[in-house]
Amino acid sequence: MQNLFKNQLQTYAQKRNFTLPKYSCERAGPPHAPLFKCRVTVNGQTYESREQFPILNRAEQAAAKAALSSLLPNGVEEDESFYKNRLQDLAQREGYGSPTYSTEKSGEAHALTFISTVKIKGEIFTGQGAKTKKEAEMSAAKIAYTALKQRCQAQEAVGETQLSASSVRAGLTAFFQQNTQPKLPVPNEQAEQYRGSKSGIEFMVGRNKILVHPRGTKMTYPPGSTVLTVSDDKWTAVKMPP
């Protein structure tokens, strides 16, 4: 559930017609091992996580969790559409197509049991038995969402390990060859032509969008960004959110 806190907080705000949550983060630690601490403002109130995290998105999730813990008695709000909405969002984001539900009922008329399945990207997930069709669909959606979310996270983790210094550098070289063709900086060069760049350089390494900018340039990264360990004392490499 840790990865759902930001979605839960946004849903909470939308239901109450609040302005959407706004996140602000502070960065600390050495360049090769940054730490992030975030706060979130909802309906004029600001909430902050006490912990620091090496990944920006995790710091934002912690801030959202702190807000939910204060706004809700148990820190979690689930309704009959919660997992169905999350599954729909995940399916759209990953290009899986819309989930399709099917429900069967059994038992005596006064004590029916409903079991739902949901089909997504050719795969079928079966929920647990429930007393109503809505609850059965919610169960199937929860099982499907949990499985697919874990699968996506595993794929992202594999992609993260593949972002070596050589792969990032190769991607940057390819970008230069296809565009302005400037000289590729090396660690012992000052790279004056890029000093003070405000936007940095964006390019793709596999399915990952990477931003490279000179160390010390003031940048605001979008939520979900990750500062990569391949950064050095002159350049910062950041994996951008999809």
C-alpha atoms as a PDB file:
ATOM      1  CA  MET A   1       0.000   0.000   0.000  1.00  0.00           C
ATOM      2  CA  GLN A   2       2.950   2.359   0.413  1.00  0.00           C
ATOM      3  CA  ASN A   3       2.932   3.282  -3.272  1.00  0.00           C
ATOM      4  CA  LEU A   4      -0.737   4.251  -3.153  1.00  0.00           C
ATOM      5  CA  PHE A   5      -0.511   7.126  -0.670  1.00  0.00           C
ATOM      6  CA  LYS A   6      -0.204   9.892  -3.268  1.00  0.00           C
ATOM      7  CA  ASN A   7      -3.161   8.493  -5.227  1.00  0.00           C
ATOM      8  CA  GLN A   8      -5.206   8.162  -2.047  1.00  0.00           C
ATOM      9  CA  LEU A   9      -4.464  11.743  -1.036  1.00  0.00           C
ATOM     10  CA  GLN A  10      -5.397  13.058  -4.478  1.00  0.00           C
ATOM     11  CA  THR A  11      -8.658  11.099  -4.429  1.00  0.00           C
ATOM     12  CA  TYR A  12      -9.399  12.442  -0.939  1.00  0.00           C
ATOM     13  CA  ALA A  13      -8.869  16.022  -2.137  1.00  0.00           C
ATOM     14  CA  GLN A  14     -10.945  15.576  -5.295  1.00  0.00           C
ATOM     15  CA  LYS A  15     -13.911  14.136  -3.392  1.00  0.00           C
ATOM     16  CA  ARG A  16     -13.969  17.197  -1.137  1.00  0.00           C
ATOM     17  CA  ASN A  17     -13.318  19.718  -3.922  1.00  0.00           C
ATOM     18  CA  PHE A  18     -10.008  20.743  -2.365  1.00  0.00           C
ATOM     19  CA  THR A  19      -7.151  22.058  -4.452  1.00  0.00           C
ATOM     20  CA  LEU A  20      -4.927  19.190  -5.550  1.00  0.00           C
ATOM     21  CA  PRO A  21      -1.995  18.322  -3.254  1.00  0.00           C
ATOM     22  CA  LYS A  22       1.167  20.319  -3.895  1.00  0.00           C
ATOM     23  CA  TYR A  23       4.561  18.837  -3.030  1.00  0.00           C
ATOM     24  CA  SER A  24       7.788  20.623  -2.188  1.00  0.00           C
ATOM     25  CA  CYS A  25      11.032  18.867  -1.382  1.00  0.00           C
ATOM     26  CA  GLU A  26      14.400  19.628   0.140  1.00  0.00           C
ATOM     27  CA  ARG A  27      17.587  17.914  -0.957  1.00  0.00           C
ATOM     28  CA  ALA A  28      20.479  17.140   1.375  1.00  0.00           C
ATOM     29  CA  GLY A  29      23.529  14.886   1.478  1.00  0.00           C
ATOM     30  CA  PRO A  30      26.509  14.611  -0.869  1.00  0.00           C
ATOM     31  CA  PRO A  31      26.010  14.770  -4.659  1.00  0.00           C
ATOM     32  CA  HIS A  32      26.613  11.041  -5.128  1.00  0.00           C
ATOM     33  CA  ALA A  33      24.123  10.073  -2.399  1.00  0.00           C
ATOM     34  CA  PRO A  34      21.337  12.674  -2.189  1.00  0.00           C
ATOM     35  CA  LEU A  35      18.571  12.497   0.397  1.00  0.00           C
ATOM     36  CA  PHE A  36      15.103  14.002  -0.060  1.00  0.00           C
ATOM     37  CA  LYS A  37      12.583  15.217   2.491  1.00  0.00           C
ATOM     38  CA  CYS A  38       9.169  16.399   1.302  1.00  0.00           C
ATOM     39  CA  ARG A  39       6.087  18.206   2.501  1.00  0.00           C
ATOM     40  CA  VAL A  40       2.637  18.380   0.952  1.00  0.00           C
ATOM     41  CA  THR A  41      -0.011  21.096   1.180  1.00  0.00           C
ATOM     42  CA  VAL A  42      -3.705  20.149   1.079  1.00  0.00           C
ATOM     43  CA  ASN A  43      -6.558  22.612   1.572  1.00  0.00           C
ATOM     44  CA  GLY A  44      -4.191  25.166   3.080  1.00  0.00           C
ATOM     45  CA  GLN A  45      -2.612  22.742   5.557  1.00  0.00           C
ATOM     46  CA  THR A  46       0.957  21.480   5.183  1.00  0.00           C
ATOM     47  CA  TYR A  47       2.127  18.030   6.261  1.00  0.00           C
ATOM     48  CA  GLU A  48       5.700  16.772   6.364  1.00  0.00           C
ATOM     49  CA  SER A  49       7.447  13.454   6.662  1.00  0.00           C
ATOM     50  CA  ARG A  50      10.130  13.221   9.333  1.00  0.00           C
ATOM     51  CA  GLU A  51      12.249  10.793   7.309  1.00  0.00           C
ATOM     52  CA  GLN A  52      14.679  11.342   4.442  1.00  0.00           C
ATOM     53  CA  PHE A  53      14.787   9.099   1.376  1.00  0.00           C
ATOM     54  CA  PRO A  54      17.300   8.519  -1.450  1.00  0.00           C
ATOM     55  CA  ILE A  55      14.494   8.634  -4.044  1.00  0.00           C
ATOM     56  CA  LEU A  56      12.284  11.684  -4.559  1.00  0.00           C
ATOM     57  CA  ASN A  57       9.110   9.693  -5.168  1.00  0.00           C
ATOM     58  CA  ARG A  58       9.496   7.790  -1.893  1.00  0.00           C
ATOM     59  CA  ALA A  59       9.851  11.090  -0.030  1.00  0.00           C
ATOM     60  CA  GLU A  60       6.641  12.359  -1.636  1.00  0.00           C
ATOM     61  CA  GLN A  61       4.849   9.121  -0.754  1.00  0.00           C
ATOM     62  CA  ALA A  62       5.949   9.560   2.861  1.00  0.00           C
ATOM     63  CA  ALA A  63       4.624  13.127   2.931  1.00  0.00           C
ATOM     64  CA  ALA A  64       1.308  11.942   1.480  1.00  0.00           C
ATOM     65  CA  LYS A  65       1.144   9.208   4.121  1.00  0.00           C
ATOM     66  CA  ALA A  66       1.715  11.781   6.863  1.00  0.00           C
ATOM     67  CA  ALA A  67      -1.134  13.893   5.469  1.00  0.00           C
ATOM     68  CA  LEU A  68      -3.513  10.924   5.285  1.00  0.00           C
ATOM     69  CA  SER A  69      -2.635   9.873   8.821  1.00  0.00           C
ATOM     70  CA  SER A  70      -3.742  13.298  10.012  1.00  0.00           C
ATOM     71  CA  LEU A  71      -6.770  13.733   7.753  1.00  0.00           C
ATOM     72  CA  LEU A  72      -8.200  10.227   8.158  1.00  0.00           C
ATOM     73  CA  PRO A  73      -8.619   8.182  11.349  1.00  0.00           C
ATOM     74  CA  ASN A  74      -6.724   5.189   9.950  1.00  0.00           C
ATOM     75  CA  GLY A  75      -4.701   6.946   7.253  1.00  0.00           C
ATOM     76  CA  VAL A  76      -6.446   5.014   4.474  1.00  0.00           C
ATOM     77  CA  GLU A  77      -9.661   5.627   2.617  1.00  0.00           C
ATOM     78  CA  GLU A  78     -11.083   2.854   0.500  1.00  0.00           C
ATOM     79  CA  ASP A  79     -14.467   2.757  -1.177  1.00  0.00           C
ATOM     80  CA  GLU A  80     -16.053   0.335  -3.588  1.00  0.00           C
ATOM     81  CA  SER A  81     -14.385   1.995  -6.561  1.00  0.00           C
ATOM     82  CA  PHE A  82     -10.913   2.475  -5.077  1.00  0.00           C
ATOM     83  CA  TYR A  83      -9.098  -0.511  -6.610  1.00  0.00           C
ATOM     84  CA  LYS A  84     -11.171  -0.386  -9.783  1.00  0.00           C
ATOM     85  CA  ASN A  85     -10.060   3.215 -10.308  1.00  0.00           C
ATOM     86  CA  ARG A  86      -6.431   2.369  -9.552  1.00  0.00           C
ATOM     87  CA  LEU A  87      -6.546  -0.591 -11.929  1.00  0.00           C
ATOM     88  CA  GLN A  88      -8.080   1.568 -14.662  1.00  0.00           C
ATOM     89  CA  ASP A  89      -5.365   4.207 -14.172  1.00  0.00           C
ATOM     90  CA  LEU A  90      -2.612   1.584 -14.271  1.00  0.00           C
ATOM     91  CA  ALA A  91      -4.053  -0.028 -17.392  1.00  0.00           C
ATOM     92  CA  GLN A  92      -4.210   3.309 -19.220  1.00  0.00           C
ATOM     93  CA  ARG A  93      -0.705   4.301 -18.148  1.00  0.00           C
ATOM     94  CA  GLU A  94       0.824   1.001 -19.272  1.00  0.00           C
ATOM     95  CA  GLY A  95      -1.269   0.697 -22.429  1.00  0.00           C
ATOM     96  CA  TYR A  96      -3.059  -2.493 -21.357  1.00  0.00           C
ATOM     97  CA  GLY A  97      -6.533  -1.465 -22.518  1.00  0.00           C
ATOM     98  CA  SER A  98      -9.628  -1.256 -20.316  1.00  0.00           C
ATOM     99  CA  PRO A  99     -10.226  -4.033 -17.732  1.00  0.00           C
ATOM    100  CA  THR A 100     -13.239  -6.277 -18.434  1.00  0.00           C
ATOM    101  CA  TYR A 101     -15.237  -7.721 -15.506  1.00  0.00           C
ATOM    102  CA  SER A 102     -17.375 -10.854 -15.361  1.00  0.00           C
ATOM    103  CA  THR A 103     -19.358 -11.996 -12.299  1.00  0.00           C
ATOM    104  CA  GLU A 104     -21.034 -15.279 -11.393  1.00  0.00           C
ATOM    105  CA  LYS A 105     -23.331 -15.921  -8.454  1.00  0.00           C
ATOM    106  CA  SER A 106     -24.118 -19.100  -6.552  1.00  0.00           C
ATOM    107  CA  GLY A 107     -25.968 -20.284  -3.466  1.00  0.00           C
ATOM    108  CA  GLU A 108     -29.470 -19.807  -2.113  1.00  0.00           C
ATOM    109  CA  ALA A 109     -31.409 -16.645  -3.007  1.00  0.00           C
ATOM    110  CA  HIS A 110     -31.177 -15.356   0.573  1.00  0.00           C
ATOM    111  CA  ALA A 111     -27.423 -16.020   0.807  1.00  0.00           C
ATOM    112  CA  LEU A 112     -25.883 -15.497  -2.607  1.00  0.00           C
ATOM    113  CA  THR A 113     -22.134 -15.507  -3.164  1.00  0.00           C
ATOM    114  CA  PHE A 114     -20.636 -13.452  -5.968  1.00  0.00           C
ATOM    115  CA  ILE A 115     -17.256 -14.184  -7.567  1.00  0.00           C
ATOM    116  CA  SER A 116     -15.821 -11.816 -10.137  1.00  0.00           C
ATOM    117  CA  THR A 117     -12.976 -12.068 -12.606  1.00  0.00           C
ATOM    118  CA  VAL A 118     -11.258  -9.238 -14.419  1.00  0.00           C
ATOM    119  CA  LYS A 119      -9.507  -9.646 -17.755  1.00  0.00           C
ATOM    120  CA  ILE A 120      -6.693  -7.286 -18.617  1.00  0.00           C
ATOM    121  CA  LYS A 121      -4.161  -7.624 -21.407  1.00  0.00           C
ATOM    122  CA  GLY A 122      -5.307 -11.207 -21.998  1.00  0.00           C
ATOM    123  CA  GLU A 123      -4.716 -12.217 -18.370  1.00  0.00           C
ATOM    124  CA  ILE A 124      -7.548 -13.168 -16.012  1.00  0.00           C
ATOM    125  CA  PHE A 125      -7.550 -12.454 -12.270  1.00  0.00           C
ATOM    126  CA  THR A 126     -10.139 -13.980  -9.923  1.00  0.00           C
ATOM    127  CA  GLY A 127     -11.346 -12.278  -6.769  1.00  0.00           C
ATOM    128  CA  GLN A 128     -12.627 -13.755  -3.545  1.00  0.00           C
ATOM    129  CA  GLY A 129     -16.273 -14.564  -2.864  1.00  0.00           C
ATOM    130  CA  ALA A 130     -18.384 -11.614  -1.695  1.00  0.00           C
ATOM    131  CA  LYS A 131     -21.936 -10.798  -0.686  1.00  0.00           C
ATOM    132  CA  THR A 132     -22.476  -8.241  -3.467  1.00  0.00           C
ATOM    133  CA  LYS A 133     -21.398  -7.841  -7.079  1.00  0.00           C
ATOM    134  CA  LYS A 134     -19.613  -4.559  -6.294  1.00  0.00           C
ATOM    135  CA  GLU A 135     -17.580  -6.154  -3.518  1.00  0.00           C
ATOM    136  CA  ALA A 136     -16.695  -9.080  -5.792  1.00  0.00           C
ATOM    137  CA  GLU A 137     -15.481  -6.753  -8.556  1.00  0.00           C
ATOM    138  CA  MET A 138     -13.512  -4.760  -5.985  1.00  0.00           C
ATOM    139  CA  SER A 139     -11.812  -7.955  -4.831  1.00  0.00           C
ATOM    140  CA  ALA A 140     -10.889  -8.963  -8.361  1.00  0.00           C
ATOM    141  CA  ALA A 141      -9.609  -5.455  -9.104  1.00  0.00           C
ATOM    142  CA  LYS A 142      -7.508  -5.467  -5.926  1.00  0.00           C
ATOM    143  CA  ILE A 143      -5.867  -8.787  -6.809  1.00  0.00           C
ATOM    144  CA  ALA A 144      -5.207  -7.682 -10.397  1.00  0.00           C
ATOM    145  CA  TYR A 145      -3.900  -4.264  -9.385  1.00  0.00           C
ATOM    146  CA  THR A 146      -1.577  -5.659  -6.725  1.00  0.00           C
ATOM    147  CA  ALA A 147      -0.112  -8.262  -9.087  1.00  0.00           C
ATOM    148  CA  LEU A 148       0.353  -5.875 -12.010  1.00  0.00           C
ATOM    149  CA  LYS A 149       1.755  -3.105  -9.820  1.00  0.00           C
ATOM    150  CA  GLN A 150       4.358  -5.452  -8.358  1.00  0.00           C
ATOM    151  CA  ARG A 151       5.225  -6.627 -11.867  1.00  0.00           C
ATOM    152  CA  CYS A 152       5.685  -3.044 -13.089  1.00  0.00           C
ATOM    153  CA  GLN A 153       7.851  -2.214 -10.087  1.00  0.00           C
ATOM    154  CA  ALA A 154      10.034  -5.258 -10.765  1.00  0.00           C
ATOM    155  CA  GLN A 155      10.440  -4.188 -14.383  1.00  0.00           C
ATOM    156  CA  GLU A 156      11.333  -0.659 -13.287  1.00  0.00           C
ATOM    157  CA  ALA A 157      13.914  -2.050 -10.870  1.00  0.00           C
ATOM    158  CA  VAL A 158      15.500  -4.044 -13.691  1.00  0.00           C
ATOM    159  CA  GLY A 159      15.510  -0.941 -15.855  1.00  0.00           C
ATOM    160  CA  GLU A 160      17.177   1.023 -13.056  1.00  0.00           C
ATOM    161  CA  THR A 161      20.039  -1.473 -12.763  1.00  0.00           C
ATOM    162  CA  GLN A 162      20.611  -1.188 -16.507  1.00  0.00           C
ATOM    163  CA  LEU A 163      21.215   2.564 -16.251  1.00  0.00           C
ATOM    164  CA  SER A 164      24.985   2.269 -15.921  1.00  0.00           C
ATOM    165  CA  ALA A 165      27.383   5.132 -16.500  1.00  0.00           C
ATOM    166  CA  SER A 166      28.306   3.664 -19.884  1.00  0.00           C
ATOM    167  CA  SER A 167      24.665   3.348 -21.010  1.00  0.00           C
ATOM    168  CA  VAL A 168      23.844   6.905 -19.961  1.00  0.00           C
ATOM    169  CA  ARG A 169      26.961   8.182 -21.689  1.00  0.00           C
ATOM    170  CA  ALA A 170      26.151   6.172 -24.833  1.00  0.00           C
ATOM    171  CA  GLY A 171      22.655   7.642 -24.867  1.00  0.00           C
ATOM    172  CA  LEU A 172      24.055  11.146 -24.524  1.00  0.00           C
ATOM    173  CA  THR A 173      26.518  10.511 -27.347  1.00  0.00           C
ATOM    174  CA  ALA A 174      23.691   9.296 -29.596  1.00  0.00           C
ATOM    175  CA  PHE A 175      21.695  12.415 -28.775  1.00  0.00           C
ATOM    176  CA  PHE A 176      24.597  14.652 -29.741  1.00  0.00           C
ATOM    177  CA  GLN A 177      25.142  12.777 -33.007  1.00  0.00           C
ATOM    178  CA  GLN A 178      21.487  13.161 -33.970  1.00  0.00           C
ATOM    179  CA  ASN A 179      21.170  16.803 -32.930  1.00  0.00           C
ATOM    180  CA  THR A 180      23.709  19.578 -32.383  1.00  0.00           C
ATOM    181  CA  GLN A 181      26.776  17.313 -32.478  1.00  0.00           C
ATOM    182  CA  PRO A 182      28.789  19.231 -29.848  1.00  0.00           C
ATOM    183  CA  LYS A 183      31.823  17.689 -28.232  1.00  0.00           C
ATOM    184  CA  LEU A 184      30.813  15.232 -25.512  1.00  0.00           C
ATOM    185  CA  PRO A 185      32.208  16.384 -22.145  1.00  0.00           C
ATOM    186  CA  VAL A 186      34.391  14.004 -20.172  1.00  0.00           C
ATOM    187  CA  PRO A 187      34.883  14.089 -16.390  1.00  0.00           C
ATOM    188  CA  ASN A 188      38.115  16.111 -16.559  1.00  0.00           C
ATOM    189  CA  GLU A 189      36.709  18.813 -18.858  1.00  0.00           C
ATOM    190  CA  GLN A 190      34.895  21.948 -17.751  1.00  0.00           C
ATOM    191  CA  ALA A 191      32.353  21.916 -20.617  1.00  0.00           C
ATOM    192  CA  GLU A 192      31.999  25.699 -20.639  1.00  0.00           C
ATOM    193  CA  GLN A 193      29.508  25.588 -23.494  1.00  0.00           C
ATOM    194  CA  TYR A 194      26.951  23.970 -21.165  1.00  0.00           C
ATOM    195  CA  ARG A 195      27.799  25.830 -17.980  1.00  0.00           C
ATOM    196  CA  GLY A 196      24.717  27.628 -16.714  1.00  0.00           C
ATOM    197  CA  SER A 197      22.314  25.616 -18.856  1.00  0.00           C
ATOM    198  CA  LYS A 198      18.810  25.972 -17.434  1.00  0.00           C
ATOM    199  CA  SER A 199      17.076  23.105 -19.178  1.00  0.00           C
ATOM    200  CA  GLY A 200      19.760  20.453 -19.429  1.00  0.00           C
ATOM    201  CA  ILE A 201      19.689  17.748 -22.086  1.00  0.00           C
ATOM    202  CA  GLU A 202      16.982  15.074 -22.299  1.00  0.00           C
ATOM    203  CA  PHE A 203      17.466  11.791 -24.150  1.00  0.00           C
ATOM    204  CA  MET A 204      16.316   8.172 -24.000  1.00  0.00           C
ATOM    205  CA  VAL A 205      18.187   5.138 -22.662  1.00  0.00           C
ATOM    206  CA  GLY A 206      15.946   2.203 -23.567  1.00  0.00           C
ATOM    207  CA  ARG A 207      12.518   3.101 -22.189  1.00  0.00           C
ATOM    208  CA  ASN A 208      13.976   5.556 -19.667  1.00  0.00           C
ATOM    209  CA  LYS A 209      14.001   9.309 -20.185  1.00  0.00           C
ATOM    210  CA  ILE A 210      17.220  10.774 -18.780  1.00  0.00           C
ATOM    211  CA  LEU A 211      17.973  14.416 -17.988  1.00  0.00           C
ATOM    212  CA  VAL A 212      21.615  15.489 -17.737  1.00  0.00           C
ATOM    213  CA  HIS A 213      22.584  18.955 -16.535  1.00  0.00           C
ATOM    214  CA  PRO A 214      25.711  20.586 -15.070  1.00  0.00           C
ATOM    215  CA  ARG A 215      26.212  20.017 -11.346  1.00  0.00           C
ATOM    216  CA  GLY A 216      25.092  23.067  -9.382  1.00  0.00           C
ATOM    217  CA  THR A 217      22.444  24.186 -11.861  1.00  0.00           C
ATOM    218  CA  LYS A 218      19.214  24.998 -10.030  1.00  0.00           C
ATOM    219  CA  MET A 219      16.642  22.568 -11.332  1.00  0.00           C
ATOM    220  CA  THR A 220      13.128  21.577 -10.267  1.00  0.00           C
ATOM    221  CA  TYR A 221      12.459  17.917 -11.028  1.00  0.00           C
ATOM    222  CA  PRO A 222       8.906  16.646 -11.625  1.00  0.00           C
ATOM    223  CA  PRO A 223       7.418  14.221  -9.068  1.00  0.00           C
ATOM    224  CA  GLY A 224       8.735  10.683  -9.484  1.00  0.00           C
ATOM    225  CA  SER A 225      12.209  11.725 -10.651  1.00  0.00           C
ATOM    226  CA  THR A 226      15.270   9.786  -9.459  1.00  0.00           C
ATOM    227  CA  VAL A 227      18.803  11.192  -9.236  1.00  0.00           C
ATOM    228  CA  LEU A 228      21.033   8.421 -10.598  1.00  0.00           C
ATOM    229  CA  THR A 229      24.168   7.174  -8.915  1.00  0.00           C
ATOM    230  CA  VAL A 230      26.032   7.579 -12.213  1.00  0.00           C
ATOM    231  CA  SER A 231      26.144  11.330 -11.530  1.00  0.00           C
ATOM    232  CA  ASP A 232      29.600  12.765 -10.832  1.00  0.00           C
ATOM    233  CA  ASP A 233      31.072  15.990  -9.431  1.00  0.00           C
ATOM    234  CA  LYS A 234      30.417  17.929 -12.661  1.00  0.00           C
ATOM    235  CA  TRP A 235      27.233  16.419 -14.067  1.00  0.00           C
ATOM    236  CA  THR A 236      23.905  15.262 -12.611  1.00  0.00           C
ATOM    237  CA  ALA A 237      21.922  12.513 -14.336  1.00  0.00           C
ATOM    238  CA  VAL A 238      18.216  12.199 -13.464  1.00  0.00           C
ATOM    239  CA  LYS A 239      15.753   9.505 -14.487  1.00  0.00           C
ATOM    240  CA  MET A 240      12.505  11.314 -15.360  1.00  0.00           C
ATOM    241  CA  PRO A 241       9.049   9.865 -14.656  1.00  0.00           C
ATOM    242  CA  PRO A 242       7.208   8.238 -17.589  1.00  0.00           C
END
